[in-house]
Amino acid sequence: MNRRMIFKPNGFNFILKKLQTLALLLLCGGMARADIKLPSVIADNMVLQQRSKVNLWGWASPGEKVSVEYSWSKSAIVATADKNGKWNISIVTPAASKTAYSLTFKGKNTIEIKNVLIGEVWLCSGQSNMKFTIAKGPATWETGVNDYEAEVAKINNPYIREYTVKETVSDTLMNDTQGEWQEANPGNARLFSAVAYYYAREIYAKTGFPIGLIASTWGGTPAEAWTKKEVLQSDADLNVILSRYDNALKSYPQEMKNYPALLAQWQKDTAAARLQNIKAPKAPAKPADPMTNSKSPYKLYNGMIAPIINYTVKGVIWYQGESNADHAYQYRKLFPAMIKSWRDDHHDQNLPFYFVQISPHYTQNAEIREAQLLTYRNVPHTGMAVTIDNGDSANVHPRNKELVGKRLALWPLAHDYGFKEMPYSGPLYKAMKIEGDKIRISFDEVGEGLVAKDGDLKEFTIAGDDHVFHGAQAKIEGNMLIVSSSLVNKPVAVRFAWRSIPYPNLYNKAGLPASPFRTDSWPGLTEGKN
């Protein structure tokens, strides 16, 4: 009995302490529940794609219920966060309108998203010519469009909005980025992508739909930086890009060790040049760390596409290729592979993808334009805005971005928005036929007819079996061209505007220029260059 009386209190105290500990753990667990968090792209002023099941997502405590209410409907949808705290839902959007809606997310906390428009959303990506801002930007090359101060002063459209993705290099897939939705007004639009803004302005003018632009751009970057790693790994012709990157990783430490000596020698040579009154040598470039270099493969996909790829869009516009000109033949496969990958991410192989053919510049060879033309030919639901008449031989960033945006907008207006009679492309090479000492060229997208703008047709060359090209005469005959040269009796091939800085003048009657082309498939300068 005494032993029982001794042990009962101790047993009771033990159980009491256990209960207190359990209660404390439960209390702490409740306190540790995470607030609902939304990605930065889901925020005030955003534009949602009309007449779609749009994706909304975020984070909460594992197992937490998250309800989403939207003001265009009285209903609400509930999602449950998975074991990692991620939740996803899809909601049906109505037709585009200028009504400002709201979204309310409720869980442990409540988040209200205001001033939401329903309209058309376009992902706008590429390198510096897509990044090029309406007004002069922070980078030395961002000079702004022509007469940009007057242009900015005219911008006042709350139904055109842009979200700019923060420049981010990442070795792993990111789930969020930084940015905010801004309305197009003189205060905000100065740093809008100029091409994207003019593109949106054209579509808005014709449709009246609110337009949302998601600008994910970085100057001087190749397409492989915007391409998923698995895509590059899965193809032998593209895997060499990763091999090139691996070699750069291995050589970087030694290059950094060598750099101080190179810099010291340059300083010595520069001082000597000044004494001799001769031109100083160019300074050695500091080696770039491949791990943090925006030009490295897949890093920008990870940091700047993956975080927003889940956002429902109408399609993509793309202005890039300058940084792949030296590997133009490889771009024939890389560019279509990137497009397919982005479409896979959107679960839509018909996702419209419209791009700009690179303008004339001394760094841009004809083969990169050909790679883009072949992409248009071979990849369905793509479109190409030709800008061969909008170059600047000394500046790879032509300032007339209005022309580019307008030509890009012709494609969705004709193919996606019902303006089927609207011309959207200049003449595109179709076929050739040898007729004695002449070659007959036929085209697609002739429209109401071919036009030689400002005089005789220029930039045509013709060759025989010797592969030597000579200047040629080209004459319009109906909807075709007849090309010949007195120096070539037995022609086998014709080329048009086939150089870095051509000055062609072949258009259709809609005022849209013909794309450069060649009828032969002889090896080029970049074939086999990996």
Protein backbone atom coordinates (compact mmCIF):
# COMPACT_ATOMS: atom_id res chain seq x y z
CA MET A 1 0.00 0.00 0.00
CA ASN A 2 2.73 2.42 0.95
CA ARG A 3 4.58 1.74 -2.28
CA ARG A 4 1.40 2.41 -4.26
CA MET A 5 0.89 5.68 -2.40
CA ILE A 6 4.45 6.69 -3.21
CA PHE A 7 4.29 5.89 -6.93
CA LYS A 8 0.80 7.20 -7.78
CA PRO A 9 1.72 10.87 -7.43
CA ASN A 10 4.90 10.38 -9.48
CA GLY A 11 2.91 8.63 -12.25
CA PHE A 12 0.33 11.40 -12.25
CA ASN A 13 3.06 14.07 -12.48
CA PHE A 14 4.69 12.20 -15.36
CA ILE A 15 1.41 12.05 -17.29
CA LEU A 16 0.68 15.70 -16.50
CA LYS A 17 4.06 16.78 -17.88
CA LYS A 18 3.48 14.75 -21.03
CA LEU A 19 0.12 16.42 -21.56
CA GLN A 20 1.64 19.86 -20.99
CA THR A 21 4.41 19.11 -23.48
CA LEU A 22 1.92 17.88 -26.06
CA ALA A 23 -0.23 20.98 -25.62
CA LEU A 24 2.83 23.18 -26.03
CA LEU A 25 3.82 21.35 -29.22
CA LEU A 26 0.31 21.72 -30.61
CA LEU A 27 0.33 25.41 -29.73
CA CYS A 28 3.73 25.92 -31.35
CA GLY A 29 2.63 23.97 -34.40
CA GLY A 30 -0.38 26.24 -34.79
CA MET A 31 1.79 29.30 -34.38
CA ALA A 32 4.24 27.94 -36.98
CA ARG A 33 1.59 27.64 -39.70
CA ALA A 34 2.74 29.68 -42.67
CA ASP A 35 0.80 32.59 -44.09
CA ILE A 36 -0.47 32.25 -47.65
CA LYS A 37 2.17 33.58 -50.05
CA LEU A 38 1.62 34.45 -53.72
CA PRO A 39 4.22 34.68 -56.50
CA SER A 40 5.07 38.24 -57.40
CA VAL A 41 3.41 37.95 -60.82
CA ILE A 42 0.02 37.44 -59.12
CA ALA A 43 -0.46 40.95 -57.80
CA ASP A 44 -2.39 44.20 -58.06
CA ASN A 45 -2.91 45.51 -61.62
CA MET A 46 -2.32 42.15 -63.27
CA VAL A 47 -4.03 41.04 -66.47
CA LEU A 48 -5.54 37.55 -66.75
CA GLN A 49 -6.08 35.76 -70.04
CA GLN A 50 -9.69 35.98 -71.16
CA ARG A 51 -11.99 32.99 -71.77
CA SER A 52 -9.50 30.55 -70.28
CA LYS A 53 -8.85 28.31 -67.34
CA VAL A 54 -6.06 30.41 -65.85
CA ASN A 55 -3.56 29.08 -63.35
CA LEU A 56 -3.23 30.58 -59.88
CA TRP A 57 -0.75 29.25 -57.38
CA GLY A 58 1.18 29.97 -54.22
CA TRP A 59 2.37 28.56 -50.92
CA ALA A 60 0.89 27.85 -47.49
CA SER A 61 1.28 25.30 -44.70
CA PRO A 62 1.24 21.67 -45.88
CA GLY A 63 -2.36 20.51 -45.90
CA GLU A 64 -3.75 24.03 -45.46
CA LYS A 65 -6.99 24.87 -47.28
CA VAL A 66 -6.82 27.97 -49.47
CA SER A 67 -9.99 29.48 -50.91
CA VAL A 68 -10.01 31.84 -53.86
CA GLU A 69 -12.90 34.22 -54.52
CA TYR A 70 -13.12 36.30 -57.70
CA SER A 71 -15.40 39.24 -58.14
CA TRP A 72 -16.77 38.33 -61.59
CA SER A 73 -18.43 35.30 -59.99
CA LYS A 74 -20.10 34.59 -56.67
CA SER A 75 -18.41 31.22 -56.37
CA ALA A 76 -15.12 30.31 -54.71
CA ILE A 77 -12.62 27.53 -55.32
CA VAL A 78 -10.69 25.73 -52.60
CA ALA A 79 -7.21 24.27 -53.01
CA THR A 80 -5.15 22.22 -50.56
CA ALA A 81 -1.44 22.81 -50.14
CA ASP A 82 0.65 19.69 -50.79
CA LYS A 83 3.33 18.28 -48.49
CA ASN A 84 5.74 20.96 -49.71
CA GLY A 85 3.24 23.75 -49.10
CA LYS A 86 2.55 24.37 -52.81
CA TRP A 87 -1.02 24.79 -54.04
CA ASN A 88 -2.47 25.28 -57.53
CA ILE A 89 -5.93 26.00 -58.83
CA SER A 90 -7.52 26.93 -62.15
CA ILE A 91 -10.34 29.43 -62.51
CA VAL A 92 -12.45 30.23 -65.56
CA THR A 93 -12.20 33.80 -66.81
CA PRO A 94 -14.91 35.72 -68.67
CA ALA A 95 -14.57 37.68 -71.90
CA ALA A 96 -12.19 40.62 -72.00
CA SER A 97 -13.51 43.86 -70.55
CA LYS A 98 -12.30 47.09 -69.02
CA THR A 99 -13.94 46.29 -65.69
CA ALA A 100 -11.53 46.23 -62.76
CA TYR A 101 -11.97 42.98 -60.81
CA SER A 102 -10.50 41.64 -57.58
CA LEU A 103 -9.30 38.28 -56.27
CA THR A 104 -9.34 37.28 -52.61
CA PHE A 105 -7.17 34.46 -51.25
CA LYS A 106 -8.10 33.14 -47.80
CA GLY A 107 -6.30 30.71 -45.54
CA LYS A 108 -4.54 31.49 -42.31
CA ASN A 109 -4.35 35.02 -43.66
CA THR A 110 -6.20 36.94 -46.37
CA ILE A 111 -4.74 38.57 -49.46
CA GLU A 112 -6.79 40.76 -51.79
CA ILE A 113 -5.53 41.46 -55.31
CA LYS A 114 -7.09 44.61 -56.79
CA ASN A 115 -7.50 46.30 -60.16
CA VAL A 116 -7.35 43.04 -62.11
CA LEU A 117 -8.20 43.17 -65.82
CA ILE A 118 -9.33 40.37 -68.10
CA GLY A 119 -7.76 40.57 -71.55
CA GLU A 120 -4.88 39.17 -73.60
CA VAL A 121 -1.54 38.22 -72.03
CA TRP A 122 1.70 37.91 -74.01
CA LEU A 123 5.10 36.69 -72.82
CA CYS A 124 7.76 38.98 -74.35
CA SER A 125 11.28 37.60 -74.27
CA GLY A 126 14.70 37.72 -75.91
CA GLN A 127 17.85 39.79 -75.72
CA SER A 128 18.62 43.50 -75.94
CA ASN A 129 16.35 44.47 -78.84
CA MET A 130 13.35 43.17 -76.88
CA LYS A 131 14.68 44.71 -73.67
CA PHE A 132 15.29 48.07 -75.45
CA THR A 133 13.21 50.59 -73.52
CA ILE A 134 10.95 53.36 -74.83
CA ALA A 135 13.03 56.06 -73.14
CA LYS A 136 16.74 56.02 -72.48
CA GLY A 137 17.47 53.33 -69.92
CA PRO A 138 20.20 52.64 -67.36
CA ALA A 139 22.43 50.67 -69.78
CA THR A 140 24.76 52.68 -72.02
CA TRP A 141 23.23 51.18 -75.18
CA GLU A 142 19.62 51.93 -74.18
CA THR A 143 19.21 55.13 -76.17
CA GLY A 144 15.42 55.04 -76.33
CA VAL A 145 13.23 55.13 -79.42
CA ASN A 146 13.28 58.03 -81.87
CA ASP A 147 12.13 61.26 -80.19
CA TYR A 148 11.42 59.30 -77.02
CA GLU A 149 10.49 62.22 -74.75
CA ALA A 150 7.62 63.19 -77.05
CA GLU A 151 6.68 59.53 -77.41
CA VAL A 152 6.56 58.97 -73.65
CA ALA A 153 4.41 62.06 -73.13
CA LYS A 154 1.72 60.57 -75.40
CA ILE A 155 1.47 57.27 -73.50
CA ASN A 156 -1.57 57.07 -71.26
CA ASN A 157 -3.41 53.76 -71.50
CA PRO A 158 -4.34 52.01 -68.22
CA TYR A 159 -5.47 48.98 -70.26
CA ILE A 160 -1.92 48.15 -71.38
CA ARG A 161 0.20 46.81 -68.53
CA GLU A 162 3.65 45.32 -68.22
CA TYR A 163 5.29 43.06 -65.66
CA THR A 164 9.09 43.10 -65.92
CA VAL A 165 10.91 40.02 -64.63
CA LYS A 166 14.04 40.80 -62.63
CA GLU A 167 17.28 39.75 -64.34
CA THR A 168 18.27 36.55 -62.55
CA VAL A 169 20.92 33.91 -63.25
CA SER A 170 20.25 30.59 -61.51
CA ASP A 171 21.80 27.15 -61.63
CA THR A 172 18.56 25.63 -60.30
CA LEU A 173 14.90 26.14 -61.13
CA MET A 174 13.47 29.16 -59.31
CA ASN A 175 9.85 29.20 -58.15
CA ASP A 176 9.48 32.97 -57.89
CA THR A 177 10.96 36.20 -59.18
CA GLN A 178 10.63 39.92 -58.48
CA GLY A 179 8.58 42.47 -60.37
CA GLU A 180 5.32 44.38 -60.42
CA TRP A 181 2.52 45.11 -62.86
CA GLN A 182 2.51 48.70 -64.09
CA GLU A 183 0.03 50.63 -66.20
CA ALA A 184 1.23 52.36 -69.36
CA ASN A 185 1.55 56.03 -68.44
CA PRO A 186 4.38 58.57 -68.78
CA GLY A 187 5.75 57.69 -65.34
CA ASN A 188 5.87 53.93 -65.80
CA ALA A 189 6.21 53.36 -69.53
CA ARG A 190 9.62 54.96 -69.90
CA LEU A 191 11.22 51.60 -69.11
CA PHE A 192 8.67 49.39 -70.85
CA SER A 193 10.00 47.16 -73.61
CA ALA A 194 9.49 49.35 -76.68
CA VAL A 195 8.74 46.48 -79.07
CA ALA A 196 6.30 44.93 -76.59
CA TYR A 197 4.52 48.25 -75.99
CA TYR A 198 4.07 49.03 -79.70
CA TYR A 199 2.90 45.46 -80.26
CA ALA A 200 0.32 45.82 -77.49
CA ARG A 201 -0.77 49.24 -78.73
CA GLU A 202 -1.57 47.81 -82.18
CA ILE A 203 -3.59 44.90 -80.81
CA TYR A 204 -5.45 47.14 -78.37
CA ALA A 205 -6.28 49.63 -81.13
CA LYS A 206 -7.82 46.90 -83.29
CA THR A 207 -9.54 44.79 -80.59
CA GLY A 208 -10.13 47.03 -77.57
CA PHE A 209 -8.90 44.18 -75.36
CA PRO A 210 -6.78 45.00 -72.31
CA ILE A 211 -3.24 43.74 -72.93
CA GLY A 212 -0.87 42.28 -70.34
CA LEU A 213 2.83 42.01 -71.17
CA ILE A 214 5.27 39.86 -69.21
CA ALA A 215 8.74 41.07 -70.21
CA SER A 216 11.53 38.60 -69.48
CA THR A 217 14.64 39.86 -71.27
CA TRP A 218 18.41 40.20 -70.94
CA GLY A 219 20.76 41.87 -73.40
CA GLY A 220 23.53 39.93 -75.12
CA THR A 221 22.17 36.50 -74.29
CA PRO A 222 22.03 33.42 -76.56
CA ALA A 223 18.98 31.19 -76.98
CA GLU A 224 20.58 28.36 -74.99
CA ALA A 225 20.48 30.57 -71.88
CA TRP A 226 16.68 30.58 -72.25
CA THR A 227 16.42 26.84 -72.89
CA LYS A 228 15.74 24.13 -70.32
CA LYS A 229 18.77 22.02 -69.39
CA GLU A 230 16.99 18.75 -70.16
CA VAL A 231 16.33 19.93 -73.72
CA LEU A 232 20.03 20.55 -74.30
CA GLN A 233 20.95 17.22 -72.70
CA SER A 234 18.53 15.21 -74.83
CA ASP A 235 19.98 16.05 -78.24
CA ALA A 236 23.54 15.27 -79.35
CA ASP A 237 23.70 18.40 -81.52
CA LEU A 238 22.67 20.56 -78.57
CA ASN A 239 24.52 18.69 -75.86
CA VAL A 240 27.74 20.15 -77.24
CA ILE A 241 26.56 23.47 -75.80
CA LEU A 242 26.72 21.91 -72.34
CA SER A 243 30.15 20.47 -73.13
CA ARG A 244 31.31 23.95 -74.07
CA TYR A 245 29.93 25.21 -70.76
CA ASP A 246 31.68 22.43 -68.80
CA ASN A 247 34.97 23.32 -70.44
CA ALA A 248 34.45 26.96 -69.47
CA LEU A 249 33.87 25.91 -65.86
CA LYS A 250 37.12 23.95 -65.85
CA SER A 251 39.22 26.70 -67.43
CA TYR A 252 37.80 29.59 -65.38
CA PRO A 253 40.06 29.21 -62.28
CA GLN A 254 43.24 29.26 -64.41
CA GLU A 255 41.96 32.19 -66.46
CA MET A 256 41.43 34.15 -63.25
CA LYS A 257 44.98 33.31 -62.14
CA ASN A 258 46.35 34.57 -65.46
CA TYR A 259 44.27 37.74 -65.50
CA PRO A 260 46.40 39.93 -63.14
CA ALA A 261 49.50 39.31 -65.27
CA LEU A 262 47.59 40.12 -68.47
CA LEU A 263 46.25 43.29 -66.87
CA ALA A 264 49.72 44.35 -65.71
CA GLN A 265 51.17 43.76 -69.18
CA TRP A 266 48.34 45.79 -70.73
CA GLN A 267 49.03 48.68 -68.36
CA LYS A 268 52.71 48.52 -69.30
CA ASP A 269 51.94 48.43 -73.02
CA THR A 270 49.45 51.29 -72.67
CA ALA A 271 52.04 53.48 -70.94
CA ALA A 272 54.54 52.73 -73.72
CA ALA A 273 51.95 53.53 -76.39
CA ARG A 274 51.32 56.93 -74.85
CA LEU A 275 55.03 57.75 -74.89
CA GLN A 276 55.20 56.79 -78.57
CA ASN A 277 51.92 58.63 -79.31
CA ILE A 278 50.36 55.52 -80.84
CA LYS A 279 47.04 53.80 -80.27
CA ALA A 280 46.86 51.95 -76.96
CA PRO A 281 46.02 48.22 -76.99
CA LYS A 282 42.62 47.00 -75.97
CA ALA A 283 42.28 46.09 -72.29
CA PRO A 284 41.98 42.37 -71.54
CA ALA A 285 38.48 41.37 -70.52
CA LYS A 286 38.09 40.02 -67.03
CA PRO A 287 37.08 36.34 -67.26
CA ALA A 288 33.39 35.79 -66.61
CA ASP A 289 32.37 33.18 -64.07
CA PRO A 290 30.30 30.64 -66.02
CA MET A 291 28.20 29.92 -62.93
CA THR A 292 26.92 33.51 -62.80
CA ASN A 293 27.20 34.45 -66.48
CA SER A 294 23.92 35.33 -68.19
CA LYS A 295 25.27 33.79 -71.39
CA SER A 296 25.66 30.33 -69.86
CA PRO A 297 23.16 27.66 -70.95
CA TYR A 298 19.81 27.21 -69.14
CA LYS A 299 20.57 29.79 -66.41
CA LEU A 300 17.99 32.34 -67.59
CA TYR A 301 15.36 29.69 -68.16
CA ASN A 302 15.84 28.70 -64.52
CA GLY A 303 15.80 32.22 -63.15
CA MET A 304 13.49 34.14 -65.49
CA ILE A 305 11.16 31.73 -67.31
CA ALA A 306 10.52 28.93 -64.81
CA PRO A 307 9.06 31.33 -62.19
CA ILE A 308 6.40 32.65 -64.59
CA ILE A 309 5.91 29.69 -66.94
CA ASN A 310 2.78 28.65 -65.04
CA TYR A 311 1.09 31.99 -65.80
CA THR A 312 -1.56 31.53 -68.50
CA VAL A 313 -0.73 33.49 -71.65
CA LYS A 314 -2.14 33.92 -75.13
CA GLY A 315 1.25 33.45 -76.74
CA VAL A 316 4.89 34.54 -76.99
CA ILE A 317 6.74 37.26 -78.87
CA TRP A 318 10.50 36.87 -79.22
CA TYR A 319 13.32 39.13 -80.44
CA GLN A 320 16.66 37.34 -80.24
CA GLY A 321 19.29 35.73 -82.42
CA GLU A 322 22.11 38.26 -82.54
CA SER A 323 24.08 36.31 -79.93
CA ASN A 324 23.68 33.08 -81.90
CA ALA A 325 24.84 34.41 -85.28
CA ASP A 326 28.21 32.67 -84.99
CA HIS A 327 26.36 29.38 -84.46
CA ALA A 328 23.54 30.03 -86.94
CA TYR A 329 23.47 26.49 -88.33
CA GLN A 330 23.11 25.11 -84.80
CA TYR A 331 20.31 27.66 -84.22
CA ARG A 332 18.26 25.80 -86.83
CA LYS A 333 17.78 23.07 -84.23
CA LEU A 334 18.16 25.06 -81.00
CA PHE A 335 15.45 27.64 -81.68
CA PRO A 336 12.70 25.12 -82.58
CA ALA A 337 13.70 22.97 -79.60
CA MET A 338 13.33 25.95 -77.27
CA ILE A 339 9.91 26.79 -78.74
CA LYS A 340 8.71 23.20 -78.30
CA SER A 341 9.96 23.14 -74.71
CA TRP A 342 8.11 26.34 -73.80
CA ARG A 343 4.98 24.95 -75.42
CA ASP A 344 5.40 21.74 -73.44
CA ASP A 345 5.57 23.82 -70.27
CA HIS A 346 2.30 25.51 -71.25
CA HIS A 347 0.73 22.18 -72.25
CA ASP A 348 -0.13 23.68 -75.62
CA GLN A 349 1.75 22.80 -78.82
CA ASN A 350 -0.41 25.35 -80.67
CA LEU A 351 0.72 28.25 -78.48
CA PRO A 352 1.34 31.17 -80.89
CA PHE A 353 5.03 32.08 -81.08
CA TYR A 354 5.87 35.17 -83.14
CA PHE A 355 9.42 36.43 -83.58
CA VAL A 356 11.52 39.10 -85.26
CA GLN A 357 13.99 38.27 -88.00
CA ILE A 358 17.28 39.96 -87.16
CA SER A 359 17.96 43.37 -88.72
CA PRO A 360 21.08 44.24 -90.76
CA HIS A 361 24.28 44.84 -88.81
CA TYR A 362 27.92 44.04 -89.51
CA THR A 363 27.91 41.35 -86.79
CA GLN A 364 24.86 39.56 -88.20
CA ASN A 365 25.39 37.08 -91.04
CA ALA A 366 22.74 35.97 -93.50
CA GLU A 367 22.71 32.47 -92.03
CA ILE A 368 21.07 33.52 -88.77
CA ARG A 369 18.19 35.05 -90.75
CA GLU A 370 17.94 31.85 -92.75
CA ALA A 371 17.75 29.81 -89.53
CA GLN A 372 14.86 32.00 -88.42
CA LEU A 373 13.12 31.65 -91.80
CA LEU A 374 13.48 27.86 -91.60
CA THR A 375 12.01 27.91 -88.10
CA TYR A 376 8.95 29.70 -89.44
CA ARG A 377 8.72 27.20 -92.28
CA ASN A 378 9.10 24.10 -90.12
CA VAL A 379 7.42 24.96 -86.81
CA PRO A 380 3.61 25.34 -86.90
CA HIS A 381 1.85 28.32 -85.34
CA THR A 382 4.85 30.60 -85.63
CA GLY A 383 5.21 33.92 -87.43
CA MET A 384 8.18 36.05 -88.45
CA ALA A 385 8.35 39.84 -88.72
CA VAL A 386 10.92 40.75 -91.36
CA THR A 387 13.03 43.84 -90.52
CA ILE A 388 15.64 43.71 -93.27
CA ASP A 389 14.80 47.36 -94.07
CA ASN A 390 15.18 48.56 -90.49
CA GLY A 391 18.87 48.06 -89.77
CA ASP A 392 21.70 50.25 -88.60
CA SER A 393 25.11 49.19 -89.87
CA ALA A 394 26.82 50.71 -86.82
CA ASN A 395 24.23 49.98 -84.13
CA VAL A 396 22.80 46.54 -83.45
CA HIS A 397 19.88 48.28 -81.70
CA PRO A 398 17.80 50.08 -84.36
CA ARG A 399 15.76 52.83 -82.68
CA ASN A 400 12.64 52.46 -84.83
CA LYS A 401 10.95 49.93 -82.59
CA GLU A 402 7.49 51.13 -83.62
CA LEU A 403 7.93 49.52 -87.04
CA VAL A 404 8.99 46.25 -85.39
CA GLY A 405 6.07 46.18 -82.96
CA LYS A 406 3.58 46.94 -85.73
CA ARG A 407 4.89 44.19 -88.00
CA LEU A 408 4.88 41.68 -85.16
CA ALA A 409 1.27 42.60 -84.32
CA LEU A 410 0.11 41.83 -87.87
CA TRP A 411 0.57 38.11 -87.20
CA PRO A 412 -1.82 37.70 -84.23
CA LEU A 413 -4.28 40.19 -85.71
CA ALA A 414 -4.56 38.03 -88.84
CA HIS A 415 -4.27 34.60 -87.19
CA ASP A 416 -5.69 34.99 -83.67
CA TYR A 417 -7.99 38.01 -83.63
CA GLY A 418 -10.13 37.55 -86.71
CA PHE A 419 -8.63 40.10 -89.13
CA LYS A 420 -8.11 37.41 -91.75
CA GLU A 421 -7.91 39.77 -94.71
CA MET A 422 -5.08 41.78 -93.14
CA PRO A 423 -1.68 41.31 -94.84
CA TYR A 424 0.78 40.04 -92.25
CA SER A 425 3.97 39.12 -94.14
CA GLY A 426 6.12 40.20 -97.03
CA PRO A 427 7.09 37.79 -99.83
CA LEU A 428 8.69 34.54 -98.66
CA TYR A 429 10.69 32.37 -101.04
CA LYS A 430 8.76 29.29 -102.18
CA ALA A 431 10.46 27.60 -105.14
CA MET A 432 12.76 28.05 -108.15
CA LYS A 433 12.72 26.77 -111.71
CA ILE A 434 15.65 26.90 -114.13
CA GLU A 435 14.62 28.19 -117.57
CA GLY A 436 17.70 28.16 -119.81
CA ASP A 437 19.97 31.02 -118.73
CA LYS A 438 17.40 32.34 -116.26
CA ILE A 439 15.85 31.24 -112.99
CA ARG A 440 12.20 31.80 -112.14
CA ILE A 441 11.46 32.44 -108.44
CA SER A 442 8.01 32.00 -106.87
CA PHE A 443 6.86 33.25 -103.48
CA ASP A 444 4.33 32.79 -100.73
CA GLU A 445 2.67 35.86 -99.18
CA VAL A 446 2.68 37.84 -102.42
CA GLY A 447 -0.63 39.47 -101.50
CA GLU A 448 -1.81 41.79 -104.26
CA GLY A 449 1.52 41.63 -106.04
CA LEU A 450 5.27 42.21 -105.92
CA VAL A 451 6.77 45.70 -105.87
CA ALA A 452 10.25 47.05 -106.58
CA LYS A 453 10.47 50.00 -104.23
CA ASP A 454 12.45 53.00 -105.49
CA GLY A 455 13.78 51.69 -108.78
CA ASP A 456 15.16 48.42 -110.08
CA LEU A 457 15.36 45.38 -107.83
CA LYS A 458 18.59 45.12 -105.87
CA GLU A 459 20.56 42.55 -103.88
CA PHE A 460 20.10 39.56 -106.22
CA THR A 461 23.02 37.29 -107.11
CA ILE A 462 23.17 34.19 -109.30
CA ALA A 463 25.64 31.30 -109.64
CA GLY A 464 26.40 28.29 -111.79
CA ASP A 465 27.92 24.94 -110.86
CA ASP A 466 31.15 26.69 -109.83
CA HIS A 467 29.33 28.20 -106.80
CA VAL A 468 30.61 31.66 -107.73
CA PHE A 469 27.91 34.31 -107.33
CA HIS A 470 27.60 37.33 -109.60
CA GLY A 471 25.37 40.37 -109.41
CA ALA A 472 22.09 39.64 -111.18
CA GLN A 473 19.15 41.43 -112.76
CA ALA A 474 15.72 40.58 -111.38
CA LYS A 475 12.45 41.49 -113.05
CA ILE A 476 8.90 41.10 -111.82
CA GLU A 477 6.73 38.92 -114.03
CA GLY A 478 3.26 38.53 -112.57
CA ASN A 479 3.74 37.21 -109.03
CA MET A 480 7.18 35.81 -109.82
CA LEU A 481 10.71 37.03 -110.48
CA ILE A 482 12.98 36.27 -113.41
CA VAL A 483 16.65 36.39 -112.37
CA SER A 484 19.61 36.32 -114.76
CA SER A 485 23.14 37.51 -115.43
CA SER A 486 25.19 37.75 -118.62
CA LEU A 487 28.08 36.25 -116.64
CA VAL A 488 26.22 33.01 -115.86
CA ASN A 489 25.01 31.01 -118.84
CA LYS A 490 23.88 27.94 -116.88
CA PRO A 491 22.56 29.18 -113.54
CA VAL A 492 21.73 26.80 -110.70
CA ALA A 493 21.19 29.05 -107.67
CA VAL A 494 19.94 32.49 -106.68
CA ARG A 495 20.50 34.44 -103.48
CA PHE A 496 18.72 37.57 -102.25
CA ALA A 497 20.04 40.03 -99.65
CA TRP A 498 22.59 37.41 -98.68
CA ARG A 499 25.04 39.51 -96.67
CA SER A 500 25.33 41.20 -93.29
CA ILE A 501 24.18 44.65 -94.39
CA PRO A 502 22.05 44.42 -97.54
CA TYR A 503 19.88 47.18 -99.01
CA PRO A 504 17.02 45.26 -100.66
CA ASN A 505 13.87 46.79 -102.11
CA LEU A 506 11.56 43.85 -102.86
CA TYR A 507 8.15 44.24 -101.20
CA ASN A 508 4.56 43.27 -101.73
CA LYS A 509 1.92 45.93 -102.34
CA ALA A 510 1.06 45.97 -98.62
CA GLY A 511 4.47 47.55 -98.05
CA LEU A 512 5.96 44.49 -96.31
CA PRO A 513 9.52 43.50 -97.27
CA ALA A 514 10.66 40.15 -98.63
CA SER A 515 12.79 37.97 -96.39
CA PRO A 516 16.37 37.28 -97.48
CA PHE A 517 16.73 33.81 -98.98
CA ARG A 518 18.85 31.46 -101.03
CA THR A 519 17.74 28.65 -103.32
CA ASP A 520 20.84 26.50 -102.69
CA SER A 521 21.83 24.46 -99.65
CA TRP A 522 25.59 24.66 -100.08
CA PRO A 523 27.62 24.58 -96.82
CA GLY A 524 27.73 27.92 -95.08
CA LEU A 525 30.17 29.64 -92.76
CA THR A 526 28.60 28.30 -89.56
CA GLU A 527 27.82 24.71 -90.56
CA GLY A 528 29.68 22.35 -88.24
CA LYS A 529 30.53 25.17 -85.85
CA ASN A 530 29.45 24.11 -82.38
